[in-house]
Protein backbone atom coordinates (compact mmCIF):
# COMPACT_ATOMS: atom_id res chain seq x y z
CA UNK A 1 -50.72 48.65 -27.13
CA UNK A 2 -49.98 45.72 -25.27
CA UNK A 3 -46.37 44.75 -23.57
CA UNK A 4 -44.23 42.05 -24.25
CA UNK A 5 -44.48 38.97 -21.99
CA UNK A 6 -41.19 38.18 -20.26
CA UNK A 7 -40.01 35.03 -19.76
CA UNK A 8 -38.78 33.89 -16.34
CA UNK A 9 -35.24 32.30 -16.59
CA UNK A 10 -35.16 29.48 -13.84
CA UNK A 11 -31.53 28.57 -15.03
CA UNK A 12 -28.66 31.12 -15.12
CA UNK A 13 -26.76 30.72 -18.17
CA UNK A 14 -23.21 29.44 -17.69
CA UNK A 15 -20.45 31.02 -17.35
CA UNK A 16 -17.17 30.69 -19.44
CA UNK A 17 -15.87 27.84 -18.01
CA UNK A 18 -12.07 27.84 -16.86
CA UNK A 19 -9.26 26.28 -18.34
CA UNK A 20 -8.13 23.94 -15.80
CA UNK A 21 -10.33 20.82 -15.31
CA UNK A 22 -10.03 18.42 -12.54
CA UNK A 23 -8.18 15.60 -13.75
CA UNK A 24 -4.93 13.51 -12.55
CA UNK A 25 -1.99 14.13 -15.28
CA UNK A 26 1.43 12.46 -14.36
CA UNK A 27 4.20 14.63 -15.19
CA UNK A 28 6.62 12.35 -16.85
CA UNK A 29 9.67 14.49 -16.99
CA UNK A 30 9.49 14.11 -12.94
CA UNK A 31 8.54 10.10 -13.11
CA UNK A 32 11.94 9.93 -15.30
CA UNK A 33 13.39 11.57 -12.67
CA UNK A 34 13.20 8.93 -9.93
CA UNK A 35 13.72 6.28 -12.75
CA UNK A 36 17.26 5.63 -11.85
CA UNK A 37 16.06 5.24 -8.00
CA UNK A 38 13.38 2.96 -8.79
CA UNK A 39 15.73 0.61 -10.77
CA UNK A 40 18.50 0.83 -8.14
CA UNK A 41 16.03 -0.29 -5.27
CA UNK A 42 14.96 -2.82 -7.68
CA UNK A 43 18.31 -4.46 -8.03
CA UNK A 44 18.82 -4.65 -4.10
CA UNK A 45 15.64 -5.86 -3.19
CA UNK A 46 16.99 -8.79 -1.84
CA UNK A 47 19.18 -6.79 1.09
CA UNK A 48 17.20 -4.13 2.77
CA UNK A 49 20.23 -2.62 4.45
CA UNK A 50 21.60 -2.46 0.74
CA UNK A 51 18.71 -0.33 -0.16
CA UNK A 52 19.47 2.08 2.76
CA UNK A 53 22.36 2.70 1.83
CA UNK A 54 21.98 3.30 -1.47
CA UNK A 55 19.31 6.00 -0.76
CA UNK A 56 21.21 7.76 2.03
CA UNK A 57 23.98 8.18 -0.90
CA UNK A 58 21.87 8.48 -3.92
CA UNK A 59 19.88 11.74 -1.95
CA UNK A 60 22.62 13.33 0.53
CA UNK A 61 25.43 12.50 -1.29
CA UNK A 62 27.39 10.91 1.88
CA UNK A 63 28.68 7.70 1.42
CA UNK A 64 27.62 5.11 4.00
CA UNK A 65 30.04 3.76 6.57
CA UNK A 66 32.59 6.51 6.07
CA UNK A 67 30.36 9.52 6.17
CA UNK A 68 32.72 11.40 3.11
CA UNK A 69 30.84 13.42 0.62
CA UNK A 70 30.75 12.68 -2.81
CA UNK A 71 29.13 14.07 -5.64
CA UNK A 72 29.32 11.21 -7.55
CA UNK A 73 27.08 9.60 -5.29
CA UNK A 74 24.46 11.92 -6.24
CA UNK A 75 24.21 10.84 -9.58
CA UNK A 76 21.56 7.98 -9.43
CA UNK A 77 19.43 10.19 -6.73
CA UNK A 78 19.06 13.83 -6.46
CA UNK A 79 20.66 14.75 -9.86
CA UNK A 80 18.07 13.01 -12.13
CA UNK A 81 15.03 14.30 -9.80
CA UNK A 82 16.25 17.93 -10.00
CA UNK A 83 16.91 17.32 -13.78
CA UNK A 84 13.30 16.49 -14.46
CA UNK A 85 11.69 18.69 -12.53
CA UNK A 86 13.85 21.43 -14.28
CA UNK A 87 12.70 20.08 -17.79
CA UNK A 88 9.12 19.98 -16.16
CA UNK A 89 8.94 23.70 -15.47
CA UNK A 90 10.66 24.66 -18.70
CA UNK A 91 8.25 22.47 -20.73
CA UNK A 92 5.01 23.96 -18.98
CA UNK A 93 6.60 27.98 -19.10
CA UNK A 94 7.02 27.01 -22.75
CA UNK A 95 3.33 26.17 -22.69
CA UNK A 96 4.30 22.08 -24.14
CA UNK A 97 1.80 21.22 -21.74
CA UNK A 98 -0.89 23.26 -22.89
CA UNK A 99 -0.34 22.05 -26.18
CA UNK A 100 -0.19 18.32 -25.33
CA UNK A 101 -3.42 18.87 -23.35
CA UNK A 102 -4.94 20.68 -26.55
CA UNK A 103 -4.38 17.90 -28.58
CA UNK A 104 -6.30 15.56 -26.35
CA UNK A 105 -3.49 13.54 -25.25
CA UNK A 106 -4.67 11.84 -21.89
CA UNK A 107 -2.83 11.71 -18.61
CA UNK A 108 0.45 12.80 -19.63
CA UNK A 109 2.24 16.03 -19.62
CA UNK A 110 6.28 16.58 -19.63
């Protein structure tokens, strides 16, 4: 009885692809957190010193000139950015970003 001829494989079968693909996505919650800072910079664009004072007050809480700390200063800089980051992390843990990707919505995630 003759043996059956075996076919030589020249290419390996592709394995199961990973879930993550190389593509750029924009986390909307984090972008929204930086939006108040961007609007504040845009409104103060005519004066360079005003932009610097706004950024110092918004991200450090220190009032320019007096160097006194105020939580109210952080409402246009640090607090929205931290809130956006927290929303992004919660959405990722709940699987909302994966659901958006499966729905075929390009470039966006929460």
